[in-house]
């Protein structure tokens, strides 16, 4: 003799089947390029003709190359421009209502656009500038900032004692 399923178990199985069909339908809609209920970030395009690497590579590996750049610079004294954070910030600066680049505090900031979407907390801007230096304040970029050079020399002298 066959047993009947309890009404609660029948309802649970029915709800599970409906949910599975709904999820499968949502996945096929997303694969077909149809819009989903979750908005995908659309970061501002950089100012140059092309990025230092392919867009998909940079989306996936930007922190790896930035960390590698940091390690080369800090540990080995090697400074290159290809993956410098300063270069990224300069190229991807987003202007605010005052026509000046916004800081990371603004939801418009290039980095913040995707990092908030991905729920990733970054700490780059605790030390680094989140917008390019003002041309007037920065002076000629090819000339060293003598105040910084002097304070670095003083620090090194103290460290050697």
C-alpha atoms as a PDB file:
ATOM      1  CA  UNK A   1       0.000   0.000   0.000  1.00  0.00           C
ATOM      2  CA  UNK A   2       1.315   3.431  -0.965  1.00  0.00           C
ATOM      3  CA  UNK A   3       1.718   6.153   1.657  1.00  0.00           C
ATOM      4  CA  UNK A   4       0.497   9.661   1.030  1.00  0.00           C
ATOM      5  CA  UNK A   5       2.799  12.635   1.622  1.00  0.00           C
ATOM      6  CA  UNK A   6       1.790  14.947   4.391  1.00  0.00           C
ATOM      7  CA  UNK A   7       0.281  18.265   3.259  1.00  0.00           C
ATOM      8  CA  UNK A   8       3.242  20.163   4.728  1.00  0.00           C
ATOM      9  CA  UNK A   9       5.794  18.042   2.834  1.00  0.00           C
ATOM     10  CA  UNK A  10       3.775  18.351  -0.385  1.00  0.00           C
ATOM     11  CA  UNK A  11       3.667  22.131  -0.047  1.00  0.00           C
ATOM     12  CA  UNK A  12       7.423  22.261   0.676  1.00  0.00           C
ATOM     13  CA  UNK A  13       8.218  20.186  -2.417  1.00  0.00           C
ATOM     14  CA  UNK A  14       5.927  22.334  -4.559  1.00  0.00           C
ATOM     15  CA  UNK A  15       7.565  25.549  -3.307  1.00  0.00           C
ATOM     16  CA  UNK A  16      11.035  24.090  -3.943  1.00  0.00           C
ATOM     17  CA  UNK A  17      10.062  23.204  -7.518  1.00  0.00           C
ATOM     18  CA  UNK A  18       8.645  26.695  -8.170  1.00  0.00           C
ATOM     19  CA  UNK A  19      11.782  28.281  -6.712  1.00  0.00           C
ATOM     20  CA  UNK A  20      14.050  26.085  -8.843  1.00  0.00           C
ATOM     21  CA  UNK A  21      12.141  27.036 -11.998  1.00  0.00           C
ATOM     22  CA  UNK A  22      12.268  30.744 -11.085  1.00  0.00           C
ATOM     23  CA  UNK A  23      16.023  30.636 -10.436  1.00  0.00           C
ATOM     24  CA  UNK A  24      16.671  28.739 -13.652  1.00  0.00           C
ATOM     25  CA  UNK A  25      14.588  31.282 -15.566  1.00  0.00           C
ATOM     26  CA  UNK A  26      16.537  34.149 -13.987  1.00  0.00           C
ATOM     27  CA  UNK A  27      19.847  32.563 -14.948  1.00  0.00           C
ATOM     28  CA  UNK A  28      18.774  32.031 -18.545  1.00  0.00           C
ATOM     29  CA  UNK A  29      17.572  35.664 -18.736  1.00  0.00           C
ATOM     30  CA  UNK A  30      20.950  36.882 -17.475  1.00  0.00           C
ATOM     31  CA  UNK A  31      22.788  34.626 -19.937  1.00  0.00           C
ATOM     32  CA  UNK A  32      20.647  35.959 -22.765  1.00  0.00           C
ATOM     33  CA  UNK A  33      21.710  39.509 -21.897  1.00  0.00           C
ATOM     34  CA  UNK A  34      18.334  40.559 -20.561  1.00  0.00           C
ATOM     35  CA  UNK A  35      18.294  42.966 -17.682  1.00  0.00           C
ATOM     36  CA  UNK A  36      18.205  41.636 -14.161  1.00  0.00           C
ATOM     37  CA  UNK A  37      16.848  43.199 -11.020  1.00  0.00           C
ATOM     38  CA  UNK A  38      20.385  43.893  -9.766  1.00  0.00           C
ATOM     39  CA  UNK A  39      22.017  46.857 -11.456  1.00  0.00           C
ATOM     40  CA  UNK A  40      25.548  46.205 -12.672  1.00  0.00           C
ATOM     41  CA  UNK A  41      28.037  49.052 -12.162  1.00  0.00           C
ATOM     42  CA  UNK A  42      29.070  51.132 -15.134  1.00  0.00           C
ATOM     43  CA  UNK A  43      32.371  52.792 -14.156  1.00  0.00           C
ATOM     44  CA  UNK A  44      33.511  55.863 -16.045  1.00  0.00           C
ATOM     45  CA  UNK A  45      35.793  55.268 -19.011  1.00  0.00           C
ATOM     46  CA  UNK A  46      39.430  56.305 -18.701  1.00  0.00           C
ATOM     47  CA  UNK A  47      40.787  59.369 -20.454  1.00  0.00           C
ATOM     48  CA  UNK A  48      43.318  57.592 -22.673  1.00  0.00           C
ATOM     49  CA  UNK A  49      42.832  55.744 -25.938  1.00  0.00           C
ATOM     50  CA  UNK A  50      43.386  52.425 -24.190  1.00  0.00           C
ATOM     51  CA  UNK A  51      44.193  51.064 -20.767  1.00  0.00           C
ATOM     52  CA  UNK A  52      47.638  49.745 -19.806  1.00  0.00           C
ATOM     53  CA  UNK A  53      46.176  46.250 -20.287  1.00  0.00           C
ATOM     54  CA  UNK A  54      43.007  44.670 -21.674  1.00  0.00           C
ATOM     55  CA  UNK A  55      39.836  45.703 -19.842  1.00  0.00           C
ATOM     56  CA  UNK A  56      38.866  42.155 -18.784  1.00  0.00           C
ATOM     57  CA  UNK A  57      42.393  41.536 -17.465  1.00  0.00           C
ATOM     58  CA  UNK A  58      42.318  44.750 -15.437  1.00  0.00           C
ATOM     59  CA  UNK A  59      38.865  43.996 -14.030  1.00  0.00           C
ATOM     60  CA  UNK A  60      40.038  40.644 -12.769  1.00  0.00           C
ATOM     61  CA  UNK A  61      43.685  41.281 -11.846  1.00  0.00           C
ATOM     62  CA  UNK A  62      44.053  45.003 -11.062  1.00  0.00           C
ATOM     63  CA  UNK A  63      44.797  44.407  -7.383  1.00  0.00           C
ATOM     64  CA  UNK A  64      47.335  41.708  -8.227  1.00  0.00           C
ATOM     65  CA  UNK A  65      49.271  44.034 -10.540  1.00  0.00           C
ATOM     66  CA  UNK A  66      48.951  46.981  -8.138  1.00  0.00           C
ATOM     67  CA  UNK A  67      50.249  44.841  -5.262  1.00  0.00           C
ATOM     68  CA  UNK A  68      53.088  43.566  -7.437  1.00  0.00           C
ATOM     69  CA  UNK A  69      53.923  47.159  -8.411  1.00  0.00           C
ATOM     70  CA  UNK A  70      53.869  48.136  -4.734  1.00  0.00           C
ATOM     71  CA  UNK A  71      56.205  45.286  -3.778  1.00  0.00           C
ATOM     72  CA  UNK A  72      58.636  46.110  -6.597  1.00  0.00           C
ATOM     73  CA  UNK A  73      58.658  49.758  -5.543  1.00  0.00           C
ATOM     74  CA  UNK A  74      58.818  49.366  -1.763  1.00  0.00           C
ATOM     75  CA  UNK A  75      61.069  46.309  -1.505  1.00  0.00           C
ATOM     76  CA  UNK A  76      63.274  46.629  -4.584  1.00  0.00           C
ATOM     77  CA  UNK A  77      63.161  50.342  -5.406  1.00  0.00           C
ATOM     78  CA  UNK A  78      61.882  49.637  -8.921  1.00  0.00           C
ATOM     79  CA  UNK A  79      59.488  52.303 -10.162  1.00  0.00           C
ATOM     80  CA  UNK A  80      57.616  51.765 -13.408  1.00  0.00           C
ATOM     81  CA  UNK A  81      54.583  53.595 -14.707  1.00  0.00           C
ATOM     82  CA  UNK A  82      52.622  50.786 -16.327  1.00  0.00           C
ATOM     83  CA  UNK A  83      50.644  49.729 -13.249  1.00  0.00           C
ATOM     84  CA  UNK A  84      51.169  52.685 -10.939  1.00  0.00           C
ATOM     85  CA  UNK A  85      48.219  53.624  -8.737  1.00  0.00           C
ATOM     86  CA  UNK A  86      48.955  57.287  -9.419  1.00  0.00           C
ATOM     87  CA  UNK A  87      48.600  56.647 -13.174  1.00  0.00           C
ATOM     88  CA  UNK A  88      45.316  54.786 -12.684  1.00  0.00           C
ATOM     89  CA  UNK A  89      43.921  57.607 -10.558  1.00  0.00           C
ATOM     90  CA  UNK A  90      44.962  60.236 -13.102  1.00  0.00           C
ATOM     91  CA  UNK A  91      43.418  58.385 -16.050  1.00  0.00           C
ATOM     92  CA  UNK A  92      40.201  57.313 -14.347  1.00  0.00           C
ATOM     93  CA  UNK A  93      39.426  60.519 -12.430  1.00  0.00           C
ATOM     94  CA  UNK A  94      35.737  61.422 -12.446  1.00  0.00           C
ATOM     95  CA  UNK A  95      34.810  65.103 -12.300  1.00  0.00           C
ATOM     96  CA  UNK A  96      32.229  66.328  -9.824  1.00  0.00           C
ATOM     97  CA  UNK A  97      29.803  69.235 -10.101  1.00  0.00           C
ATOM     98  CA  UNK A  98      32.670  71.675  -9.462  1.00  0.00           C
ATOM     99  CA  UNK A  99      34.614  70.267 -12.464  1.00  0.00           C
ATOM    100  CA  UNK A 100      37.309  68.920 -10.104  1.00  0.00           C
ATOM    101  CA  UNK A 101      38.033  65.219  -9.667  1.00  0.00           C
ATOM    102  CA  UNK A 102      36.000  63.627  -6.886  1.00  0.00           C
ATOM    103  CA  UNK A 103      37.629  61.846  -3.948  1.00  0.00           C
ATOM    104  CA  UNK A 104      36.928  58.293  -2.840  1.00  0.00           C
ATOM    105  CA  UNK A 105      34.330  59.727  -0.453  1.00  0.00           C
ATOM    106  CA  UNK A 106      32.075  60.344  -3.470  1.00  0.00           C
ATOM    107  CA  UNK A 107      29.923  57.464  -4.786  1.00  0.00           C
ATOM    108  CA  UNK A 108      30.958  58.635  -8.285  1.00  0.00           C
ATOM    109  CA  UNK A 109      34.638  57.713  -7.718  1.00  0.00           C
ATOM    110  CA  UNK A 110      35.871  55.225 -10.318  1.00  0.00           C
ATOM    111  CA  UNK A 111      37.169  52.674  -7.792  1.00  0.00           C
ATOM    112  CA  UNK A 112      34.183  52.968  -5.494  1.00  0.00           C
ATOM    113  CA  UNK A 113      31.719  52.228  -8.296  1.00  0.00           C
ATOM    114  CA  UNK A 114      32.678  48.555  -8.510  1.00  0.00           C
ATOM    115  CA  UNK A 115      34.066  48.010  -5.020  1.00  0.00           C
ATOM    116  CA  UNK A 116      30.743  48.893  -3.415  1.00  0.00           C
ATOM    117  CA  UNK A 117      28.918  46.603  -5.846  1.00  0.00           C
ATOM    118  CA  UNK A 118      31.290  43.746  -4.977  1.00  0.00           C
ATOM    119  CA  UNK A 119      31.207  44.593  -1.244  1.00  0.00           C
ATOM    120  CA  UNK A 120      34.985  44.969  -1.228  1.00  0.00           C
ATOM    121  CA  UNK A 121      36.561  47.345   1.256  1.00  0.00           C
ATOM    122  CA  UNK A 122      39.810  48.883   0.077  1.00  0.00           C
ATOM    123  CA  UNK A 123      42.392  50.748   2.107  1.00  0.00           C
ATOM    124  CA  UNK A 124      44.514  52.271  -0.689  1.00  0.00           C
ATOM    125  CA  UNK A 125      43.324  55.785   0.038  1.00  0.00           C
ATOM    126  CA  UNK A 126      44.241  55.759   3.687  1.00  0.00           C
ATOM    127  CA  UNK A 127      47.757  56.599   2.447  1.00  0.00           C
ATOM    128  CA  UNK A 128      47.407  57.416  -1.258  1.00  0.00           C
ATOM    129  CA  UNK A 129      45.566  60.319  -2.875  1.00  0.00           C
ATOM    130  CA  UNK A 130      42.206  59.286  -4.325  1.00  0.00           C
ATOM    131  CA  UNK A 131      42.305  61.970  -7.005  1.00  0.00           C
ATOM    132  CA  UNK A 132      45.080  63.404  -9.175  1.00  0.00           C
ATOM    133  CA  UNK A 133      47.153  66.215  -7.718  1.00  0.00           C
ATOM    134  CA  UNK A 134      46.108  69.696  -8.708  1.00  0.00           C
ATOM    135  CA  UNK A 135      48.515  70.930 -11.414  1.00  0.00           C
ATOM    136  CA  UNK A 136      49.141  74.185  -9.550  1.00  0.00           C
ATOM    137  CA  UNK A 137      49.777  72.463  -6.225  1.00  0.00           C
ATOM    138  CA  UNK A 138      51.889  69.696  -7.746  1.00  0.00           C
ATOM    139  CA  UNK A 139      54.268  71.952  -9.629  1.00  0.00           C
ATOM    140  CA  UNK A 140      56.321  70.429 -12.425  1.00  0.00           C
ATOM    141  CA  UNK A 141      55.978  66.657 -12.109  1.00  0.00           C
ATOM    142  CA  UNK A 142      59.507  66.107 -13.411  1.00  0.00           C
ATOM    143  CA  UNK A 143      61.069  68.141 -10.608  1.00  0.00           C
ATOM    144  CA  UNK A 144      61.358  66.577  -7.165  1.00  0.00           C
ATOM    145  CA  UNK A 145      59.438  68.077  -4.299  1.00  0.00           C
ATOM    146  CA  UNK A 146      62.414  69.413  -2.327  1.00  0.00           C
ATOM    147  CA  UNK A 147      60.526  69.466   0.965  1.00  0.00           C
ATOM    148  CA  UNK A 148      59.769  65.728   0.590  1.00  0.00           C
ATOM    149  CA  UNK A 149      63.336  64.933  -0.457  1.00  0.00           C
ATOM    150  CA  UNK A 150      64.719  66.878   2.498  1.00  0.00           C
ATOM    151  CA  UNK A 151      62.414  65.172   5.006  1.00  0.00           C
ATOM    152  CA  UNK A 152      63.279  61.763   3.528  1.00  0.00           C
ATOM    153  CA  UNK A 153      67.007  62.523   3.862  1.00  0.00           C
ATOM    154  CA  UNK A 154      66.493  63.585   7.480  1.00  0.00           C
ATOM    155  CA  UNK A 155      64.562  60.393   8.197  1.00  0.00           C
ATOM    156  CA  UNK A 156      67.302  58.248   6.667  1.00  0.00           C
ATOM    157  CA  UNK A 157      69.959  60.024   8.697  1.00  0.00           C
ATOM    158  CA  UNK A 158      68.023  59.385  11.921  1.00  0.00           C
ATOM    159  CA  UNK A 159      67.450  55.742  10.980  1.00  0.00           C
ATOM    160  CA  UNK A 160      71.187  55.146  10.462  1.00  0.00           C
ATOM    161  CA  UNK A 161      72.076  56.455  13.942  1.00  0.00           C
END
